[in-house]
Amino acid sequence: MTDRISLPLSAINEDFLQKLRTQYGEHARLDIQVVEMDETPSLSAAAFWHVMTLLHPDAELWEARIAAAVDYLANLPIKQIYQFEDMLAEKLFALDTAAHAQVAFPEGEHLSVDGFLYVRAAVVARGQAHYQDVLENPALLDMEEDFEPLLSLAAQAYEQKTGRAFDYVAPVDYETYANQAGWG
């Protein structure tokens, strides 16, 4: 079992560590990922959805599909690139349900975990109104659409801004079947 815990560094003290030992036992491993956050404002939902308006889903090359969005995101503070990735993960997670999967892969069809993820990415890429509609009504999901390049947008923006690899895992797992409540 793997649990992800996201908290400020100031919350880690001996009491917190003792709670972890009690909950997980002495043989559990703790992997620490340090994400530097600065005092810049948080990325707003409006800014997140603005990035989606910069996508070009009909471009022939996948790099061209996200180029304008990468440039825009790379010009934001690093904190907001991380937050973009977090917000994207939350939206993909929310669409990770059996009801949505049944539309994308009707009964009898093999469910491709990657294919379903790319279909969910396409829903987010089409913008806030479409995302909200599909979230509330899975029948509106178009199984013919996919937008895999959206998954690398934050990483490319971070690399463009810093020249370093984006070694970050969002606190919410968006892989297919991660939303256990959506499959229950």
C-alpha atoms as a PDB file:
ATOM      1  CA  MET A   1       0.000   0.000   0.000  1.00  0.00           C
ATOM      2  CA  THR A   2       1.209   3.489  -0.852  1.00  0.00           C
ATOM      3  CA  ASP A   3      -0.337   6.614   0.660  1.00  0.00           C
ATOM      4  CA  ARG A   4       0.576  10.108  -0.431  1.00  0.00           C
ATOM      5  CA  ILE A   5       0.740  12.804   2.198  1.00  0.00           C
ATOM      6  CA  SER A   6       1.200  16.444   1.258  1.00  0.00           C
ATOM      7  CA  LEU A   7       1.911  18.936   4.034  1.00  0.00           C
ATOM      8  CA  PRO A   8       4.087  21.920   4.783  1.00  0.00           C
ATOM      9  CA  LEU A   9       7.562  21.213   6.136  1.00  0.00           C
ATOM     10  CA  SER A  10       6.609  23.007   9.358  1.00  0.00           C
ATOM     11  CA  ALA A  11       4.122  20.201  10.144  1.00  0.00           C
ATOM     12  CA  ILE A  12       6.839  17.553  10.369  1.00  0.00           C
ATOM     13  CA  ASN A  13       7.856  17.095  13.973  1.00  0.00           C
ATOM     14  CA  GLU A  14       8.428  14.176  16.343  1.00  0.00           C
ATOM     15  CA  ASP A  15       4.685  13.810  17.055  1.00  0.00           C
ATOM     16  CA  PHE A  16       3.928  13.539  13.332  1.00  0.00           C
ATOM     17  CA  LEU A  17       6.674  10.955  12.839  1.00  0.00           C
ATOM     18  CA  GLN A  18       5.393   8.955  15.806  1.00  0.00           C
ATOM     19  CA  LYS A  19       1.883   8.940  14.298  1.00  0.00           C
ATOM     20  CA  LEU A  20       3.358   7.585  11.062  1.00  0.00           C
ATOM     21  CA  ARG A  21       5.232   4.858  12.963  1.00  0.00           C
ATOM     22  CA  THR A  22       2.052   3.888  14.786  1.00  0.00           C
ATOM     23  CA  GLN A  23      -0.078   3.879  11.653  1.00  0.00           C
ATOM     24  CA  TYR A  24       2.358   2.160   9.279  1.00  0.00           C
ATOM     25  CA  GLY A  25       4.775   0.272  11.520  1.00  0.00           C
ATOM     26  CA  GLU A  26       8.533   0.414  11.786  1.00  0.00           C
ATOM     27  CA  HIS A  27       9.113  -1.317   8.443  1.00  0.00           C
ATOM     28  CA  ALA A  28       7.358   1.265   6.281  1.00  0.00           C
ATOM     29  CA  ARG A  29       9.481   3.486   4.056  1.00  0.00           C
ATOM     30  CA  LEU A  30       9.020   7.242   3.895  1.00  0.00           C
ATOM     31  CA  ASP A  31       9.958   8.893   0.584  1.00  0.00           C
ATOM     32  CA  ILE A  32      10.269  12.649   0.823  1.00  0.00           C
ATOM     33  CA  GLN A  33       9.722  15.018  -2.077  1.00  0.00           C
ATOM     34  CA  VAL A  34      10.570  18.640  -1.311  1.00  0.00           C
ATOM     35  CA  VAL A  35       8.706  21.209  -3.390  1.00  0.00           C
ATOM     36  CA  GLU A  36       9.842  24.779  -2.918  1.00  0.00           C
ATOM     37  CA  MET A  37       6.903  27.134  -2.682  1.00  0.00           C
ATOM     38  CA  ASP A  38       7.405  30.870  -2.719  1.00  0.00           C
ATOM     39  CA  GLU A  39       5.258  33.799  -1.724  1.00  0.00           C
ATOM     40  CA  THR A  40       3.724  34.304  -5.154  1.00  0.00           C
ATOM     41  CA  PRO A  41      -0.060  34.043  -5.396  1.00  0.00           C
ATOM     42  CA  SER A  42      -1.597  30.656  -6.033  1.00  0.00           C
ATOM     43  CA  LEU A  43      -2.696  29.629  -9.500  1.00  0.00           C
ATOM     44  CA  SER A  44      -6.380  30.434  -9.827  1.00  0.00           C
ATOM     45  CA  ALA A  45      -8.944  28.132 -11.391  1.00  0.00           C
ATOM     46  CA  ALA A  46      -9.464  30.796 -14.062  1.00  0.00           C
ATOM     47  CA  ALA A  47      -5.744  30.721 -14.922  1.00  0.00           C
ATOM     48  CA  PHE A  48      -5.816  26.917 -15.088  1.00  0.00           C
ATOM     49  CA  TRP A  49      -8.705  26.991 -17.545  1.00  0.00           C
ATOM     50  CA  HIS A  50      -7.059  29.807 -19.511  1.00  0.00           C
ATOM     51  CA  VAL A  51      -4.181  27.425 -20.248  1.00  0.00           C
ATOM     52  CA  MET A  52      -6.710  25.071 -21.887  1.00  0.00           C
ATOM     53  CA  THR A  53      -7.720  27.842 -24.315  1.00  0.00           C
ATOM     54  CA  LEU A  54      -4.113  27.923 -25.564  1.00  0.00           C
ATOM     55  CA  LEU A  55      -4.149  24.287 -26.701  1.00  0.00           C
ATOM     56  CA  HIS A  56      -4.377  23.382 -30.385  1.00  0.00           C
ATOM     57  CA  PRO A  57      -5.894  19.885 -30.477  1.00  0.00           C
ATOM     58  CA  ASP A  58      -6.004  19.782 -34.283  1.00  0.00           C
ATOM     59  CA  ALA A  59      -2.303  20.498 -34.807  1.00  0.00           C
ATOM     60  CA  GLU A  60      -0.537  17.694 -36.639  1.00  0.00           C
ATOM     61  CA  LEU A  61       2.445  17.367 -34.298  1.00  0.00           C
ATOM     62  CA  TRP A  62       1.703  16.795 -30.609  1.00  0.00           C
ATOM     63  CA  GLU A  63       4.370  19.340 -29.627  1.00  0.00           C
ATOM     64  CA  ALA A  64       2.459  21.984 -31.569  1.00  0.00           C
ATOM     65  CA  ARG A  65      -0.731  21.049 -29.738  1.00  0.00           C
ATOM     66  CA  ILE A  66       0.665  22.331 -26.452  1.00  0.00           C
ATOM     67  CA  ALA A  67       3.414  24.785 -27.494  1.00  0.00           C
ATOM     68  CA  ALA A  68       1.506  28.001 -26.700  1.00  0.00           C
ATOM     69  CA  ALA A  69       0.320  26.577 -23.373  1.00  0.00           C
ATOM     70  CA  VAL A  70       3.868  25.495 -22.476  1.00  0.00           C
ATOM     71  CA  ASP A  71       5.171  28.989 -23.233  1.00  0.00           C
ATOM     72  CA  TYR A  72       2.444  30.614 -21.150  1.00  0.00           C
ATOM     73  CA  LEU A  73       2.951  28.271 -18.194  1.00  0.00           C
ATOM     74  CA  ALA A  74       6.758  28.625 -18.380  1.00  0.00           C
ATOM     75  CA  ASN A  75       6.343  32.360 -17.832  1.00  0.00           C
ATOM     76  CA  LEU A  76       4.497  31.828 -14.555  1.00  0.00           C
ATOM     77  CA  PRO A  77       6.250  31.374 -11.194  1.00  0.00           C
ATOM     78  CA  ILE A  78       7.499  27.841 -10.509  1.00  0.00           C
ATOM     79  CA  LYS A  79       4.967  27.477  -7.701  1.00  0.00           C
ATOM     80  CA  GLN A  80       2.157  27.921 -10.228  1.00  0.00           C
ATOM     81  CA  ILE A  81       3.587  25.258 -12.538  1.00  0.00           C
ATOM     82  CA  TYR A  82       3.417  22.807  -9.645  1.00  0.00           C
ATOM     83  CA  GLN A  83      -0.098  23.967  -8.858  1.00  0.00           C
ATOM     84  CA  PHE A  84      -1.129  23.525 -12.484  1.00  0.00           C
ATOM     85  CA  GLU A  85       0.028  19.908 -12.299  1.00  0.00           C
ATOM     86  CA  ASP A  86      -1.884  19.446  -9.035  1.00  0.00           C
ATOM     87  CA  MET A  87      -5.088  20.905 -10.500  1.00  0.00           C
ATOM     88  CA  LEU A  88      -4.779  18.782 -13.622  1.00  0.00           C
ATOM     89  CA  ALA A  89      -4.302  15.661 -11.511  1.00  0.00           C
ATOM     90  CA  GLU A  90      -7.412  16.475  -9.467  1.00  0.00           C
ATOM     91  CA  LYS A  91      -9.534  16.885 -12.596  1.00  0.00           C
ATOM     92  CA  LEU A  92      -8.257  13.678 -14.189  1.00  0.00           C
ATOM     93  CA  PHE A  93      -8.839  11.856 -10.889  1.00  0.00           C
ATOM     94  CA  ALA A  94     -12.442  13.079 -10.713  1.00  0.00           C
ATOM     95  CA  LEU A  95     -13.124  11.611 -14.189  1.00  0.00           C
ATOM     96  CA  ASP A  96     -11.593   8.264 -13.215  1.00  0.00           C
ATOM     97  CA  THR A  97     -14.861   6.421 -12.625  1.00  0.00           C
ATOM     98  CA  ALA A  98     -16.466   3.208 -13.782  1.00  0.00           C
ATOM     99  CA  ALA A  99     -19.330   5.221 -15.312  1.00  0.00           C
ATOM    100  CA  HIS A 100     -16.927   7.230 -17.480  1.00  0.00           C
ATOM    101  CA  ALA A 101     -14.897   4.147 -18.388  1.00  0.00           C
ATOM    102  CA  GLN A 102     -18.018   2.296 -19.552  1.00  0.00           C
ATOM    103  CA  VAL A 103     -18.702   5.088 -22.045  1.00  0.00           C
ATOM    104  CA  ALA A 104     -15.126   5.115 -23.316  1.00  0.00           C
ATOM    105  CA  PHE A 105     -14.871   1.333 -23.402  1.00  0.00           C
ATOM    106  CA  PRO A 106     -18.352  -0.211 -23.689  1.00  0.00           C
ATOM    107  CA  GLU A 107     -19.002  -3.620 -22.160  1.00  0.00           C
ATOM    108  CA  GLY A 108     -17.046  -6.313 -23.897  1.00  0.00           C
ATOM    109  CA  GLU A 109     -14.224  -3.995 -24.940  1.00  0.00           C
ATOM    110  CA  HIS A 110     -10.861  -4.254 -23.212  1.00  0.00           C
ATOM    111  CA  LEU A 111     -10.306  -1.168 -21.049  1.00  0.00           C
ATOM    112  CA  SER A 112      -6.949   0.348 -21.885  1.00  0.00           C
ATOM    113  CA  VAL A 113      -5.720   2.126 -18.758  1.00  0.00           C
ATOM    114  CA  ASP A 114      -3.564   4.492 -20.815  1.00  0.00           C
ATOM    115  CA  GLY A 115      -6.279   4.988 -23.430  1.00  0.00           C
ATOM    116  CA  PHE A 116      -8.816   5.894 -20.757  1.00  0.00           C
ATOM    117  CA  LEU A 117      -6.357   8.370 -19.230  1.00  0.00           C
ATOM    118  CA  TYR A 118      -5.831  10.040 -22.622  1.00  0.00           C
ATOM    119  CA  VAL A 119      -9.609  10.263 -23.174  1.00  0.00           C
ATOM    120  CA  ARG A 120      -9.960  11.942 -19.753  1.00  0.00           C
ATOM    121  CA  ALA A 121      -7.162  14.348 -20.694  1.00  0.00           C
ATOM    122  CA  ALA A 122      -9.131  15.298 -23.815  1.00  0.00           C
ATOM    123  CA  VAL A 123     -12.137  16.154 -21.659  1.00  0.00           C
ATOM    124  CA  VAL A 124     -10.046  18.549 -19.562  1.00  0.00           C
ATOM    125  CA  ALA A 125      -8.347  19.993 -22.656  1.00  0.00           C
ATOM    126  CA  ARG A 126     -11.719  21.020 -24.099  1.00  0.00           C
ATOM    127  CA  GLY A 127     -12.242  23.469 -21.255  1.00  0.00           C
ATOM    128  CA  GLN A 128     -14.140  24.076 -18.076  1.00  0.00           C
ATOM    129  CA  ALA A 129     -17.700  23.917 -19.421  1.00  0.00           C
ATOM    130  CA  HIS A 130     -17.098  20.648 -21.269  1.00  0.00           C
ATOM    131  CA  TYR A 131     -15.242  19.184 -18.300  1.00  0.00           C
ATOM    132  CA  GLN A 132     -18.102  20.038 -15.937  1.00  0.00           C
ATOM    133  CA  ASP A 133     -20.698  18.628 -18.348  1.00  0.00           C
ATOM    134  CA  VAL A 134     -18.838  15.331 -18.749  1.00  0.00           C
ATOM    135  CA  LEU A 135     -18.096  15.098 -15.033  1.00  0.00           C
ATOM    136  CA  GLU A 136     -21.834  15.338 -14.311  1.00  0.00           C
ATOM    137  CA  ASN A 137     -22.972  13.281 -17.309  1.00  0.00           C
ATOM    138  CA  PRO A 138     -20.513  10.534 -18.336  1.00  0.00           C
ATOM    139  CA  ALA A 139     -22.571   9.787 -21.470  1.00  0.00           C
ATOM    140  CA  LEU A 140     -21.170  13.004 -22.991  1.00  0.00           C
ATOM    141  CA  LEU A 141     -17.632  11.599 -22.987  1.00  0.00           C
ATOM    142  CA  ASP A 142     -16.293  11.129 -26.531  1.00  0.00           C
ATOM    143  CA  MET A 143     -14.270   7.935 -26.656  1.00  0.00           C
ATOM    144  CA  GLU A 144     -12.757   8.959 -29.995  1.00  0.00           C
ATOM    145  CA  GLU A 145     -10.926  11.932 -28.496  1.00  0.00           C
ATOM    146  CA  ASP A 146      -7.624  11.756 -26.697  1.00  0.00           C
ATOM    147  CA  PHE A 147      -5.108  14.368 -25.667  1.00  0.00           C
ATOM    148  CA  GLU A 148      -2.055  12.620 -24.258  1.00  0.00           C
ATOM    149  CA  PRO A 149       0.188  15.717 -24.699  1.00  0.00           C
ATOM    150  CA  LEU A 150      -1.695  17.475 -21.883  1.00  0.00           C
ATOM    151  CA  LEU A 151      -0.023  15.108 -19.415  1.00  0.00           C
ATOM    152  CA  SER A 152       3.433  16.509 -20.207  1.00  0.00           C
ATOM    153  CA  LEU A 153       2.492  20.189 -20.280  1.00  0.00           C
ATOM    154  CA  ALA A 154       3.687  21.100 -16.767  1.00  0.00           C
ATOM    155  CA  ALA A 155       6.884  19.085 -17.176  1.00  0.00           C
ATOM    156  CA  GLN A 156       7.746  20.828 -20.431  1.00  0.00           C
ATOM    157  CA  ALA A 157       6.967  24.258 -18.984  1.00  0.00           C
ATOM    158  CA  TYR A 158       9.130  23.575 -15.941  1.00  0.00           C
ATOM    159  CA  GLU A 159      12.013  22.319 -18.093  1.00  0.00           C
ATOM    160  CA  GLN A 160      11.713  25.337 -20.391  1.00  0.00           C
ATOM    161  CA  LYS A 161      11.757  27.695 -17.399  1.00  0.00           C
ATOM    162  CA  THR A 162      14.514  26.059 -15.340  1.00  0.00           C
ATOM    163  CA  GLY A 163      16.510  23.849 -17.696  1.00  0.00           C
ATOM    164  CA  ARG A 164      15.964  20.977 -15.232  1.00  0.00           C
ATOM    165  CA  ALA A 165      13.784  17.869 -15.349  1.00  0.00           C
ATOM    166  CA  PHE A 166      10.381  18.093 -13.663  1.00  0.00           C
ATOM    167  CA  ASP A 167      10.813  15.482 -10.945  1.00  0.00           C
ATOM    168  CA  TYR A 168       7.443  15.934  -9.283  1.00  0.00           C
ATOM    169  CA  VAL A 169       4.517  13.727  -8.375  1.00  0.00           C
ATOM    170  CA  ALA A 170       1.198  15.431  -7.647  1.00  0.00           C
ATOM    171  CA  PRO A 171      -0.458  14.556  -4.331  1.00  0.00           C
ATOM    172  CA  VAL A 172      -3.443  13.107  -6.231  1.00  0.00           C
ATOM    173  CA  ASP A 173      -2.827  10.080  -8.446  1.00  0.00           C
ATOM    174  CA  TYR A 174      -4.637  10.400 -11.782  1.00  0.00           C
ATOM    175  CA  GLU A 175      -3.778   6.980 -13.194  1.00  0.00           C
ATOM    176  CA  THR A 176      -6.718   4.796 -14.161  1.00  0.00           C
ATOM    177  CA  TYR A 177      -8.313   3.011 -11.174  1.00  0.00           C
ATOM    178  CA  ALA A 178      -6.684   5.408  -8.649  1.00  0.00           C
ATOM    179  CA  ASN A 179     -10.091   6.892  -7.736  1.00  0.00           C
ATOM    180  CA  GLN A 180     -11.276   3.931  -5.692  1.00  0.00           C
ATOM    181  CA  ALA A 181     -14.562   5.616  -4.793  1.00  0.00           C
ATOM    182  CA  GLY A 182     -15.284   6.124  -8.515  1.00  0.00           C
ATOM    183  CA  TRP A 183     -14.870   2.403  -9.148  1.00  0.00           C
ATOM    184  CA  GLY A 184     -16.685   1.174  -6.026  1.00  0.00           C
END
